[in-house]
Amino acid sequence: MAAILGDDPLAHTCGFLDARELDVLRTCGRRTRDVAGRGSVWEPVCQRRWRGRRQLNEWRSEAGNEWRAHYALREREILRKRVPIFAMSAYLEVGRRTDLHFFEPRYKWLIRIAAEDHGGLFVFCTNAPLVHPRSPQFSWVCEARNVQLLPDGRANLSVFPVARCLLRKLWREPVPDVLNAPQLTLADVEELPLCSAPPPPVTEDDDDSDYYSDSDGEDGRMRLSPSHRELLELLVENPGAMEELGLTHKRVQELLLRGQEPASDTDDTLDV
C-alpha cells in the first residue's frame, strides 16, 4: 500500500477506511476532502471490496485511475434491486448448466425483467426464498442463456449460476395483464464473492453428494467439482479467507493435489 499511497500520512490512514468513512471525510476540511477523493486512496478500498469476486480482473482493468467512480458503479452490480426469483429444488453449482422450461405467466415475466433490467440475470432459489443470514446456502445469481420464446408464450432456456447471493428484502408483485395468476417473488440481493459462501448441506439421498466428498474414492483420489476446485484456487490467493474458514495453505494445497480429476458435469432438464 505504501507504493500506492506515497509518503502522505493522511493518505495512508484513508487507505484503510471503507467507502462510507471516506465519503464522510470528503465533507470535512479542504485538505481532508482532497485526500479522501484521490484515486490512490480509493484503489485499496476497491481492492478489498472486490476481492474474490467473479468480475475482479474485469473491474480492475476498467477502473483506470477513476477508482471512486468505479466503486459506485460496481456497487450497483453487487447490490441489485428488484431481481426476480425462480424457486425450485435443484442441484446447482457455479458454471454448471441447467435447462429449464417456463410456462407459468410469472416466470415468463421473470425472463423479461431479467433481460431488460439485469442483463439476463435472475435469482434461482433451491429452497423457499427467505431473508436470513443463511440464504446464500440456497440462493444463486444465475444467467439466462439460449432463451427460446415459443409462439404460445412458453420459454426454453439454459441457466448458468455465476455466484451465490444474500437475500436482503423480499416481496411479491402481480403479473401484469394476467388475472388470478400466481404472483412473482422479487428481491433486493447482494452478490457474494466466490470464496465467501459455503455449499448447502448434503442429505444422504442426494444423488450428487459425491461432489462434496472429502474422502478418497476407490482410486485413492478425492472427487472435486469444478466450482470447488475454483474455490480452493481462490483461497490460495486469499490468506484472510483461508484463515476465516479454519484452513491452512498446506491443507488447501493437499486438497488440490488429491483432487486430480474434477467430477464430470451433467445437464439436468427440469420442467417448471
Protein backbone atom coordinates (compact mmCIF):
# COMPACT_ATOMS: atom_id res chain seq x y z
CA MET A 1 0.00 0.00 0.00
CA ALA A 2 2.96 2.32 0.62
CA ALA A 3 3.84 2.21 -3.06
CA ILE A 4 0.29 3.26 -3.94
CA LEU A 5 -0.29 5.99 -1.35
CA GLY A 6 3.17 7.60 -1.31
CA ASP A 7 4.53 9.34 1.77
CA ASP A 8 1.40 11.23 2.82
CA PRO A 9 0.42 10.01 6.36
CA LEU A 10 -3.18 11.14 5.90
CA ALA A 11 -3.41 9.23 2.61
CA HIS A 12 -2.09 6.12 4.35
CA THR A 13 -4.78 6.46 7.03
CA CYS A 14 -7.54 6.99 4.46
CA GLY A 15 -6.42 3.89 2.57
CA PHE A 16 -7.54 1.71 5.48
CA LEU A 17 -11.04 3.21 5.70
CA ASP A 18 -14.15 1.94 3.98
CA ALA A 19 -16.15 3.79 1.33
CA ARG A 20 -18.70 5.27 3.72
CA GLU A 21 -16.00 6.66 6.03
CA LEU A 22 -14.16 8.19 3.07
CA ASP A 23 -17.30 9.95 1.86
CA VAL A 24 -17.80 11.39 5.35
CA LEU A 25 -14.21 12.71 5.30
CA ARG A 26 -14.86 14.41 1.98
CA THR A 27 -17.35 16.71 3.77
CA CYS A 28 -14.63 17.92 6.17
CA GLY A 29 -11.77 20.39 5.64
CA ARG A 30 -10.19 21.19 2.28
CA ARG A 31 -7.10 19.02 2.74
CA THR A 32 -9.10 16.05 4.03
CA ARG A 33 -11.57 16.47 1.17
CA ASP A 34 -8.74 16.47 -1.35
CA VAL A 35 -7.00 13.39 0.05
CA ALA A 36 -10.20 11.39 0.61
CA GLY A 37 -11.16 11.88 -3.04
CA ARG A 38 -7.88 10.68 -4.56
CA GLY A 39 -7.85 7.61 -6.79
CA SER A 40 -4.78 6.31 -4.95
CA VAL A 41 -6.78 6.25 -1.72
CA TRP A 42 -9.82 4.60 -3.30
CA GLU A 43 -7.82 1.89 -5.06
CA PRO A 44 -7.16 -0.21 -1.91
CA VAL A 45 -10.78 0.34 -0.85
CA CYS A 46 -11.92 -1.10 -4.17
CA GLN A 47 -9.43 -3.97 -3.96
CA ARG A 48 -10.79 -5.02 -0.55
CA ARG A 49 -14.42 -4.75 -1.64
CA TRP A 50 -13.87 -6.65 -4.90
CA ARG A 51 -11.59 -9.38 -3.51
CA GLY A 52 -12.72 -12.85 -4.57
CA ARG A 53 -15.45 -11.61 -6.94
CA ARG A 54 -16.00 -13.17 -10.35
CA GLN A 55 -15.59 -9.80 -12.13
CA LEU A 56 -12.38 -8.85 -10.28
CA ASN A 57 -9.98 -8.76 -13.25
CA GLU A 58 -12.51 -7.01 -15.49
CA TRP A 59 -13.27 -4.34 -12.90
CA ARG A 60 -9.58 -3.72 -12.18
CA SER A 61 -8.73 -3.20 -15.85
CA GLU A 62 -11.69 -0.88 -16.47
CA ALA A 63 -11.18 1.29 -13.37
CA GLY A 64 -8.06 3.02 -14.69
CA ASN A 65 -7.47 5.91 -12.27
CA GLU A 66 -11.18 6.51 -11.65
CA TRP A 67 -11.39 4.23 -8.61
CA ARG A 68 -14.00 6.21 -6.69
CA ALA A 69 -16.37 6.44 -9.66
CA HIS A 70 -15.95 2.74 -10.40
CA TYR A 71 -16.58 1.83 -6.77
CA ALA A 72 -20.04 3.42 -7.03
CA LEU A 73 -20.62 1.81 -10.43
CA ARG A 74 -19.75 -1.71 -9.22
CA GLU A 75 -21.86 -1.36 -6.07
CA ARG A 76 -24.90 -1.28 -8.35
CA GLU A 77 -23.81 -4.68 -9.69
CA ILE A 78 -23.06 -6.14 -6.24
CA LEU A 79 -26.26 -4.78 -4.63
CA ARG A 80 -29.03 -5.37 -7.15
CA LYS A 81 -32.57 -4.04 -6.75
CA ARG A 82 -35.81 -5.77 -7.73
CA VAL A 83 -34.34 -9.03 -9.00
CA PRO A 84 -36.92 -11.71 -9.97
CA ILE A 85 -36.75 -15.07 -8.19
CA PHE A 86 -37.37 -18.58 -9.50
CA ALA A 87 -37.66 -21.21 -6.77
CA MET A 88 -37.39 -24.97 -7.23
CA SER A 89 -35.48 -27.82 -5.63
CA ALA A 90 -32.35 -28.49 -7.73
CA TYR A 91 -28.61 -29.08 -7.53
CA LEU A 92 -26.65 -26.03 -8.66
CA GLU A 93 -23.01 -25.01 -8.75
CA VAL A 94 -21.09 -22.20 -10.43
CA GLY A 95 -20.83 -22.73 -14.19
CA ARG A 96 -22.94 -25.92 -14.26
CA ARG A 97 -25.72 -25.70 -16.84
CA THR A 98 -29.34 -26.46 -16.02
CA ASP A 99 -32.04 -26.43 -18.73
CA LEU A 100 -35.48 -25.08 -17.83
CA HIS A 101 -38.88 -24.87 -19.46
CA PHE A 102 -41.06 -21.95 -18.30
CA PHE A 103 -44.80 -21.94 -18.88
CA GLU A 104 -46.24 -20.02 -15.90
CA PRO A 105 -47.07 -16.34 -16.60
CA ARG A 106 -44.97 -15.16 -13.63
CA TYR A 107 -41.84 -16.86 -14.95
CA LYS A 108 -42.36 -15.57 -18.47
CA TRP A 109 -42.44 -12.13 -16.85
CA LEU A 110 -39.27 -13.08 -14.95
CA ILE A 111 -37.41 -13.52 -18.24
CA ARG A 112 -38.48 -10.09 -19.41
CA ILE A 113 -37.40 -8.36 -16.17
CA ALA A 114 -34.07 -10.22 -16.16
CA ALA A 115 -33.33 -9.26 -19.77
CA GLU A 116 -34.43 -5.63 -19.54
CA ASP A 117 -33.12 -4.69 -16.08
CA HIS A 118 -30.30 -7.08 -15.17
CA GLY A 119 -28.53 -8.19 -18.34
CA GLY A 120 -30.17 -11.62 -18.24
CA LEU A 121 -29.54 -12.26 -14.52
CA PHE A 122 -32.09 -13.52 -12.01
CA VAL A 123 -32.05 -15.41 -8.70
CA PHE A 124 -32.56 -19.19 -8.52
CA CYS A 125 -33.51 -20.41 -5.04
CA THR A 126 -33.29 -24.15 -4.38
CA ASN A 127 -35.37 -23.66 -1.23
CA ALA A 128 -38.21 -21.35 -0.30
CA PRO A 129 -36.93 -17.75 -0.56
CA LEU A 130 -36.20 -16.40 2.91
CA VAL A 131 -34.43 -13.29 4.23
CA HIS A 132 -31.93 -14.96 6.53
CA PRO A 133 -28.13 -14.95 7.06
CA ARG A 134 -28.07 -18.49 5.68
CA SER A 135 -29.88 -17.60 2.45
CA PRO A 136 -26.62 -17.89 0.40
CA GLN A 137 -26.82 -21.64 1.02
CA PHE A 138 -29.74 -21.88 -1.40
CA SER A 139 -29.74 -18.59 -3.37
CA TRP A 140 -27.83 -18.16 -6.64
CA VAL A 141 -27.40 -15.32 -9.12
CA CYS A 142 -27.92 -17.03 -12.47
CA GLU A 143 -27.51 -16.02 -16.09
CA ALA A 144 -30.17 -17.00 -18.61
CA ARG A 145 -28.72 -18.07 -21.97
CA ASN A 146 -30.08 -19.60 -25.18
CA VAL A 147 -33.55 -18.25 -24.40
CA GLN A 148 -36.18 -19.51 -26.88
CA LEU A 149 -39.55 -17.77 -26.71
CA LEU A 150 -42.22 -20.04 -28.18
CA PRO A 151 -45.28 -18.73 -30.10
CA ASP A 152 -47.65 -19.66 -27.25
CA GLY A 153 -45.61 -17.67 -24.72
CA ARG A 154 -43.68 -20.54 -23.15
CA ALA A 155 -39.89 -20.39 -22.99
CA ASN A 156 -36.90 -22.73 -23.05
CA LEU A 157 -33.60 -21.54 -21.57
CA SER A 158 -30.26 -22.63 -20.17
CA VAL A 159 -29.33 -21.38 -16.72
CA PHE A 160 -25.75 -20.88 -15.52
CA PRO A 161 -25.14 -19.98 -11.84
CA VAL A 162 -22.45 -17.28 -11.54
CA ALA A 163 -22.37 -16.62 -7.76
CA ARG A 164 -24.22 -17.09 -4.51
CA CYS A 165 -26.21 -14.20 -3.08
CA LEU A 166 -27.75 -12.91 0.13
CA LEU A 167 -31.45 -12.03 0.02
CA ARG A 168 -31.91 -8.69 1.79
CA LYS A 169 -35.56 -7.86 1.09
CA LEU A 170 -38.42 -9.91 -0.39
CA TRP A 171 -41.83 -9.04 -1.78
CA ARG A 172 -44.35 -10.19 -4.42
CA GLU A 173 -45.91 -8.40 -7.37
CA PRO A 174 -48.90 -9.38 -9.52
CA VAL A 175 -48.21 -10.36 -13.12
CA PRO A 176 -49.26 -7.51 -15.46
CA ASP A 177 -52.37 -8.13 -17.56
CA VAL A 178 -52.89 -11.67 -16.18
CA LEU A 179 -55.76 -12.08 -13.73
CA ASN A 180 -55.53 -14.57 -10.86
CA ALA A 181 -52.03 -15.75 -11.82
CA PRO A 182 -49.59 -16.59 -9.00
CA GLN A 183 -47.53 -13.54 -8.13
CA LEU A 184 -43.82 -13.23 -8.88
CA THR A 185 -41.37 -13.00 -5.98
CA LEU A 186 -38.73 -10.29 -6.25
CA ALA A 187 -35.83 -9.32 -4.00
CA ASP A 188 -33.06 -6.86 -3.30
CA VAL A 189 -29.92 -9.02 -3.26
CA GLU A 190 -26.21 -8.81 -2.55
CA GLU A 191 -23.96 -10.92 -4.77
CA LEU A 192 -21.21 -12.58 -2.73
CA PRO A 193 -17.55 -13.30 -3.54
CA LEU A 194 -16.93 -16.80 -4.82
CA CYS A 195 -14.96 -17.76 -1.72
CA SER A 196 -17.39 -16.46 0.93
CA ALA A 197 -20.43 -18.75 0.91
CA PRO A 198 -20.37 -22.42 1.96
CA PRO A 199 -22.09 -25.12 -0.13
CA PRO A 200 -25.53 -26.24 1.04
CA PRO A 201 -25.76 -29.23 3.39
CA VAL A 202 -25.94 -32.63 1.70
CA THR A 203 -28.55 -35.23 2.59
CA GLU A 204 -27.97 -38.97 2.48
CA ASP A 205 -30.26 -39.39 -0.52
CA ASP A 206 -28.57 -36.61 -2.53
CA ASP A 207 -27.53 -38.13 -5.87
CA ASP A 208 -24.81 -35.50 -6.23
CA SER A 209 -23.32 -35.98 -2.77
CA ASP A 210 -20.03 -37.20 -4.24
CA TYR A 211 -19.40 -33.65 -5.42
CA TYR A 212 -18.98 -32.68 -1.78
CA SER A 213 -16.96 -35.71 -0.72
CA ASP A 214 -13.93 -35.03 1.48
CA SER A 215 -12.75 -38.64 1.43
CA ASP A 216 -10.74 -40.61 -1.08
CA GLY A 217 -12.54 -42.69 -3.66
CA GLU A 218 -11.75 -46.25 -4.68
CA ASP A 219 -8.94 -44.99 -6.90
CA GLY A 220 -7.39 -43.08 -3.96
CA ARG A 221 -8.39 -39.66 -5.31
CA MET A 222 -10.92 -37.22 -3.95
CA ARG A 223 -13.54 -36.01 -6.42
CA LEU A 224 -13.74 -32.23 -6.79
CA SER A 225 -16.46 -30.42 -8.68
CA PRO A 226 -15.25 -27.61 -10.98
CA SER A 227 -16.65 -24.95 -8.64
CA HIS A 228 -14.91 -26.46 -5.61
CA ARG A 229 -11.61 -26.55 -7.47
CA GLU A 230 -12.12 -22.87 -8.39
CA LEU A 231 -12.94 -22.10 -4.74
CA LEU A 232 -9.75 -23.77 -3.49
CA GLU A 233 -7.66 -21.92 -6.07
CA LEU A 234 -9.22 -18.62 -4.94
CA LEU A 235 -8.43 -19.45 -1.32
CA VAL A 236 -4.76 -19.87 -2.19
CA GLU A 237 -4.76 -16.22 -3.29
CA ASN A 238 -6.75 -15.04 -0.25
CA PRO A 239 -5.00 -15.98 3.02
CA GLY A 240 -7.53 -13.99 5.04
CA ALA A 241 -10.46 -16.02 3.72
CA MET A 242 -8.47 -19.22 4.33
CA GLU A 243 -7.95 -18.24 7.95
CA GLU A 244 -11.66 -17.42 8.44
CA LEU A 245 -12.57 -20.90 7.20
CA GLY A 246 -10.04 -22.52 9.55
CA LEU A 247 -7.84 -23.80 6.71
CA THR A 248 -4.10 -23.61 6.21
CA HIS A 249 -2.24 -23.06 2.95
CA LYS A 250 -0.79 -26.57 3.28
CA ARG A 251 -4.25 -28.12 3.72
CA VAL A 252 -5.67 -26.33 0.65
CA GLN A 253 -2.71 -27.44 -1.47
CA GLU A 254 -3.23 -31.03 -0.26
CA LEU A 255 -6.89 -30.90 -1.30
CA LEU A 256 -5.97 -29.59 -4.74
CA LEU A 257 -3.33 -32.28 -5.24
CA ARG A 258 -5.62 -35.08 -4.08
CA GLY A 259 -8.50 -33.98 -6.33
CA GLN A 260 -6.70 -34.86 -9.56
CA GLU A 261 -9.84 -35.10 -11.67
CA PRO A 262 -12.96 -32.99 -11.19
CA ALA A 263 -16.29 -34.75 -11.22
CA SER A 264 -17.93 -34.66 -14.65
CA ASP A 265 -20.69 -32.15 -15.32
CA THR A 266 -24.09 -33.34 -16.44
CA ASP A 267 -27.10 -31.38 -17.68
CA ASP A 268 -30.48 -31.52 -15.94
CA THR A 269 -33.63 -30.75 -17.88
CA LEU A 270 -36.33 -29.58 -15.50
CA ASP A 271 -39.96 -28.70 -16.14
CA VAL A 272 -41.44 -25.86 -14.10
